Amino acid sequence: MIKSLMLTLDQDKFRFTPDGKVSVLDIIAALCPKDNPEMVWEEIILNNPEMYDYCEDFAYKDKVIKVIDGNGFYMLEKLLFRHLMQQWQEAI
């Protein structure tokens, strides 16, 4: 059985694979704490389907989660920044 690691930083929990990949939804939850991570992920994938190229499925406990490596994190970070800027612009 493949083991995984959960790391807690402040209030945020991050699930890691044995080879260092991290859960997409955990990253979104940490960087966009006021948003629903699943909804943000759906919006990102809808507008940027190439993000799937950076993802892998990983069996974590009783479910499968999307995980990314460092390159995927870099891409996701840029897309989340756009998401937050868009929200900010809509709010003003």
N, C-alpha and C. Protein backbone atom coordinates (compact mmCIF):
# COMPACT_ATOMS: atom_id res chain seq x y z
N MET A 1 0.84 -1.18 0.00
CA MET A 1 0.00 0.00 0.00
C MET A 1 0.88 1.24 0.00
N ILE A 2 0.53 2.19 -0.86
CA ILE A 2 1.27 3.44 -0.93
C ILE A 2 0.87 4.32 0.24
N LYS A 3 1.86 4.84 0.91
CA LYS A 3 1.57 5.74 2.03
C LYS A 3 1.58 7.16 1.54
N SER A 4 0.95 8.02 2.29
CA SER A 4 0.93 9.44 1.97
C SER A 4 1.25 10.22 3.23
N LEU A 5 1.43 11.49 3.07
CA LEU A 5 1.79 12.35 4.18
C LEU A 5 0.82 13.51 4.23
N MET A 6 0.37 13.87 5.44
CA MET A 6 -0.44 15.07 5.61
C MET A 6 0.36 16.02 6.47
N LEU A 7 0.50 17.24 5.97
CA LEU A 7 1.26 18.28 6.65
C LEU A 7 0.31 19.41 6.99
N THR A 8 0.36 19.91 8.21
CA THR A 8 -0.47 21.03 8.63
C THR A 8 0.40 22.26 8.81
N LEU A 9 0.05 23.32 8.11
CA LEU A 9 0.72 24.62 8.25
C LEU A 9 -0.33 25.62 8.68
N ASP A 10 -0.14 26.19 9.85
CA ASP A 10 -1.17 27.03 10.45
C ASP A 10 -2.46 26.21 10.52
N GLN A 11 -3.52 26.66 9.88
CA GLN A 11 -4.79 25.94 9.90
C GLN A 11 -4.98 25.06 8.66
N ASP A 12 -4.07 25.16 7.71
CA ASP A 12 -4.24 24.47 6.43
C ASP A 12 -3.57 23.10 6.45
N LYS A 13 -4.27 22.12 5.87
CA LYS A 13 -3.74 20.76 5.76
C LYS A 13 -3.42 20.48 4.30
N PHE A 14 -2.27 19.87 4.07
CA PHE A 14 -1.83 19.53 2.72
C PHE A 14 -1.53 18.05 2.65
N ARG A 15 -2.15 17.38 1.67
CA ARG A 15 -1.89 15.96 1.45
C ARG A 15 -0.82 15.82 0.37
N PHE A 16 0.21 15.05 0.69
CA PHE A 16 1.32 14.82 -0.23
C PHE A 16 1.41 13.34 -0.59
N THR A 17 1.85 13.08 -1.81
CA THR A 17 2.14 11.72 -2.23
C THR A 17 3.56 11.36 -1.78
N PRO A 18 3.92 10.10 -1.83
CA PRO A 18 5.29 9.71 -1.45
C PRO A 18 6.37 10.38 -2.30
N ASP A 19 6.03 10.73 -3.55
CA ASP A 19 7.04 11.37 -4.40
C ASP A 19 6.93 12.90 -4.42
N GLY A 20 6.19 13.47 -3.46
CA GLY A 20 6.20 14.91 -3.25
C GLY A 20 5.13 15.71 -3.95
N LYS A 21 4.20 15.07 -4.63
CA LYS A 21 3.10 15.81 -5.27
C LYS A 21 2.08 16.19 -4.19
N VAL A 22 1.34 17.25 -4.44
CA VAL A 22 0.42 17.78 -3.44
C VAL A 22 -0.99 17.90 -4.02
N SER A 23 -1.97 17.79 -3.15
CA SER A 23 -3.38 17.86 -3.54
C SER A 23 -3.74 19.23 -4.10
N VAL A 24 -4.37 19.24 -5.26
CA VAL A 24 -4.83 20.47 -5.90
C VAL A 24 -5.82 21.20 -4.99
N LEU A 25 -6.80 20.49 -4.47
CA LEU A 25 -7.83 21.13 -3.65
C LEU A 25 -7.25 21.70 -2.36
N ASP A 26 -6.22 21.07 -1.81
CA ASP A 26 -5.59 21.60 -0.59
C ASP A 26 -4.90 22.93 -0.88
N ILE A 27 -4.25 23.02 -2.04
CA ILE A 27 -3.60 24.28 -2.42
C ILE A 27 -4.64 25.37 -2.59
N ILE A 28 -5.71 25.07 -3.31
CA ILE A 28 -6.76 26.07 -3.54
C ILE A 28 -7.37 26.52 -2.22
N ALA A 29 -7.64 25.58 -1.32
CA ALA A 29 -8.23 25.93 -0.02
C ALA A 29 -7.32 26.86 0.77
N ALA A 30 -6.01 26.65 0.67
CA ALA A 30 -5.07 27.49 1.41
C ALA A 30 -4.92 28.87 0.80
N LEU A 31 -4.89 28.94 -0.53
CA LEU A 31 -4.66 30.22 -1.20
C LEU A 31 -5.93 31.03 -1.45
N CYS A 32 -7.07 30.38 -1.42
CA CYS A 32 -8.37 31.06 -1.62
C CYS A 32 -9.31 30.65 -0.49
N PRO A 33 -9.00 31.03 0.74
CA PRO A 33 -9.75 30.52 1.88
C PRO A 33 -11.23 30.87 1.93
N LYS A 34 -11.64 31.90 1.21
CA LYS A 34 -13.05 32.30 1.24
C LYS A 34 -13.87 31.61 0.17
N ASP A 35 -13.21 30.84 -0.70
CA ASP A 35 -13.89 30.19 -1.81
C ASP A 35 -14.05 28.69 -1.56
N ASN A 36 -14.99 28.10 -2.27
CA ASN A 36 -15.16 26.65 -2.25
C ASN A 36 -14.11 26.05 -3.20
N PRO A 37 -13.17 25.26 -2.70
CA PRO A 37 -12.09 24.74 -3.55
C PRO A 37 -12.58 23.96 -4.77
N GLU A 38 -13.63 23.17 -4.59
CA GLU A 38 -14.14 22.39 -5.71
C GLU A 38 -14.68 23.29 -6.82
N MET A 39 -15.38 24.35 -6.45
CA MET A 39 -15.93 25.27 -7.44
C MET A 39 -14.82 26.04 -8.15
N VAL A 40 -13.81 26.45 -7.41
CA VAL A 40 -12.68 27.15 -8.02
C VAL A 40 -11.97 26.23 -9.00
N TRP A 41 -11.75 24.97 -8.61
CA TRP A 41 -11.09 24.01 -9.48
C TRP A 41 -11.90 23.79 -10.76
N GLU A 42 -13.22 23.65 -10.64
CA GLU A 42 -14.07 23.47 -11.81
C GLU A 42 -13.97 24.66 -12.75
N GLU A 43 -13.93 25.86 -12.20
CA GLU A 43 -13.80 27.07 -13.02
C GLU A 43 -12.44 27.11 -13.72
N ILE A 44 -11.40 26.76 -13.00
CA ILE A 44 -10.06 26.75 -13.59
C ILE A 44 -9.98 25.76 -14.75
N ILE A 45 -10.49 24.56 -14.53
CA ILE A 45 -10.44 23.53 -15.57
C ILE A 45 -11.31 23.91 -16.76
N LEU A 46 -12.45 24.52 -16.51
CA LEU A 46 -13.34 24.95 -17.59
C LEU A 46 -12.63 25.96 -18.50
N ASN A 47 -11.93 26.91 -17.89
CA ASN A 47 -11.26 27.96 -18.65
C ASN A 47 -9.84 27.60 -19.08
N ASN A 48 -9.25 26.59 -18.45
CA ASN A 48 -7.86 26.21 -18.73
C ASN A 48 -7.73 24.70 -18.71
N PRO A 49 -8.32 24.00 -19.67
CA PRO A 49 -8.27 22.53 -19.65
C PRO A 49 -6.86 21.96 -19.72
N GLU A 50 -5.90 22.76 -20.18
CA GLU A 50 -4.51 22.30 -20.22
C GLU A 50 -3.95 22.02 -18.82
N MET A 51 -4.64 22.51 -17.79
CA MET A 51 -4.21 22.26 -16.42
C MET A 51 -4.23 20.76 -16.12
N TYR A 52 -5.10 20.02 -16.81
CA TYR A 52 -5.14 18.57 -16.62
C TYR A 52 -3.80 17.91 -16.96
N ASP A 53 -3.04 18.53 -17.86
CA ASP A 53 -1.74 17.98 -18.24
C ASP A 53 -0.77 17.92 -17.06
N TYR A 54 -1.02 18.74 -16.05
CA TYR A 54 -0.14 18.81 -14.88
C TYR A 54 -0.62 17.91 -13.73
N CYS A 55 -1.79 17.31 -13.90
CA CYS A 55 -2.42 16.55 -12.81
C CYS A 55 -2.25 15.05 -12.95
N GLU A 56 -2.28 14.40 -11.81
CA GLU A 56 -2.35 12.94 -11.73
C GLU A 56 -3.41 12.59 -10.70
N ASP A 57 -4.01 11.43 -10.86
CA ASP A 57 -4.92 10.91 -9.85
C ASP A 57 -4.11 10.14 -8.82
N PHE A 58 -4.48 10.28 -7.56
CA PHE A 58 -3.81 9.58 -6.48
C PHE A 58 -4.86 9.04 -5.51
N ALA A 59 -4.77 7.76 -5.19
CA ALA A 59 -5.71 7.15 -4.25
C ALA A 59 -5.32 7.56 -2.83
N TYR A 60 -6.19 8.32 -2.20
CA TYR A 60 -5.95 8.78 -0.84
C TYR A 60 -7.10 8.30 0.04
N LYS A 61 -6.78 7.42 0.95
CA LYS A 61 -7.78 6.77 1.80
C LYS A 61 -8.86 6.14 0.93
N ASP A 62 -10.08 6.61 1.01
CA ASP A 62 -11.17 5.96 0.26
C ASP A 62 -11.60 6.74 -0.98
N LYS A 63 -10.78 7.70 -1.44
CA LYS A 63 -11.14 8.46 -2.63
C LYS A 63 -9.91 8.76 -3.47
N VAL A 64 -10.16 9.22 -4.67
CA VAL A 64 -9.09 9.60 -5.59
C VAL A 64 -9.03 11.12 -5.63
N ILE A 65 -7.83 11.66 -5.45
CA ILE A 65 -7.65 13.11 -5.48
C ILE A 65 -6.71 13.49 -6.61
N LYS A 66 -6.84 14.71 -7.09
CA LYS A 66 -5.91 15.25 -8.09
C LYS A 66 -4.70 15.82 -7.37
N VAL A 67 -3.52 15.46 -7.87
CA VAL A 67 -2.28 15.97 -7.29
C VAL A 67 -1.42 16.57 -8.40
N ILE A 68 -0.53 17.49 -8.02
CA ILE A 68 0.37 18.12 -8.96
C ILE A 68 1.78 18.20 -8.39
N ASP A 69 2.75 18.33 -9.30
CA ASP A 69 4.14 18.50 -8.88
C ASP A 69 4.47 19.99 -8.87
N GLY A 70 5.76 20.31 -8.80
CA GLY A 70 6.18 21.71 -8.74
C GLY A 70 5.77 22.52 -9.95
N ASN A 71 5.89 21.95 -11.14
CA ASN A 71 5.48 22.66 -12.35
C ASN A 71 3.97 22.92 -12.35
N GLY A 72 3.21 21.93 -11.90
CA GLY A 72 1.77 22.11 -11.80
C GLY A 72 1.41 23.17 -10.76
N PHE A 73 2.16 23.20 -9.66
CA PHE A 73 1.92 24.21 -8.63
C PHE A 73 2.15 25.60 -9.20
N TYR A 74 3.23 25.76 -9.96
CA TYR A 74 3.54 27.06 -10.56
C TYR A 74 2.39 27.51 -11.46
N MET A 75 1.89 26.60 -12.30
CA MET A 75 0.78 26.93 -13.21
C MET A 75 -0.49 27.25 -12.42
N LEU A 76 -0.79 26.43 -11.42
CA LEU A 76 -2.00 26.65 -10.61
C LEU A 76 -1.92 27.99 -9.87
N GLU A 77 -0.75 28.32 -9.37
CA GLU A 77 -0.57 29.59 -8.66
C GLU A 77 -0.90 30.77 -9.57
N LYS A 78 -0.45 30.73 -10.81
CA LYS A 78 -0.75 31.81 -11.76
C LYS A 78 -2.25 31.89 -12.03
N LEU A 79 -2.88 30.73 -12.21
CA LEU A 79 -4.32 30.72 -12.50
C LEU A 79 -5.14 31.17 -11.30
N LEU A 80 -4.70 30.83 -10.10
CA LEU A 80 -5.40 31.28 -8.90
C LEU A 80 -5.27 32.80 -8.73
N PHE A 81 -4.09 33.32 -9.07
CA PHE A 81 -3.91 34.77 -9.00
C PHE A 81 -4.91 35.47 -9.94
N ARG A 82 -5.05 34.94 -11.16
CA ARG A 82 -6.03 35.50 -12.10
C ARG A 82 -7.45 35.41 -11.53
N HIS A 83 -7.75 34.27 -10.92
CA HIS A 83 -9.08 34.07 -10.32
C HIS A 83 -9.34 35.13 -9.25
N LEU A 84 -8.38 35.34 -8.37
CA LEU A 84 -8.54 36.32 -7.29
C LEU A 84 -8.64 37.74 -7.83
N MET A 85 -7.86 38.06 -8.86
CA MET A 85 -7.93 39.39 -9.45
C MET A 85 -9.29 39.62 -10.12
N GLN A 86 -9.81 38.59 -10.75
CA GLN A 86 -11.12 38.69 -11.39
C GLN A 86 -12.20 38.93 -10.33
N GLN A 87 -12.11 38.23 -9.22
CA GLN A 87 -13.08 38.44 -8.14
C GLN A 87 -12.99 39.87 -7.61
N TRP A 88 -11.78 40.34 -7.44
CA TRP A 88 -11.57 41.69 -6.92
C TRP A 88 -12.15 42.72 -7.88
N GLN A 89 -11.91 42.54 -9.19
CA GLN A 89 -12.44 43.48 -10.17
C GLN A 89 -13.96 43.47 -10.20
N GLU A 90 -14.55 42.31 -10.04
CA GLU A 90 -16.01 42.22 -10.02
C GLU A 90 -16.60 42.87 -8.79
N ALA A 91 -15.83 42.91 -7.71
CA ALA A 91 -16.32 43.46 -6.45
C ALA A 91 -16.29 44.99 -6.43
N ILE A 92 -15.48 45.59 -7.28
CA ILE A 92 -15.39 47.06 -7.24
C ILE A 92 -16.28 47.71 -8.28
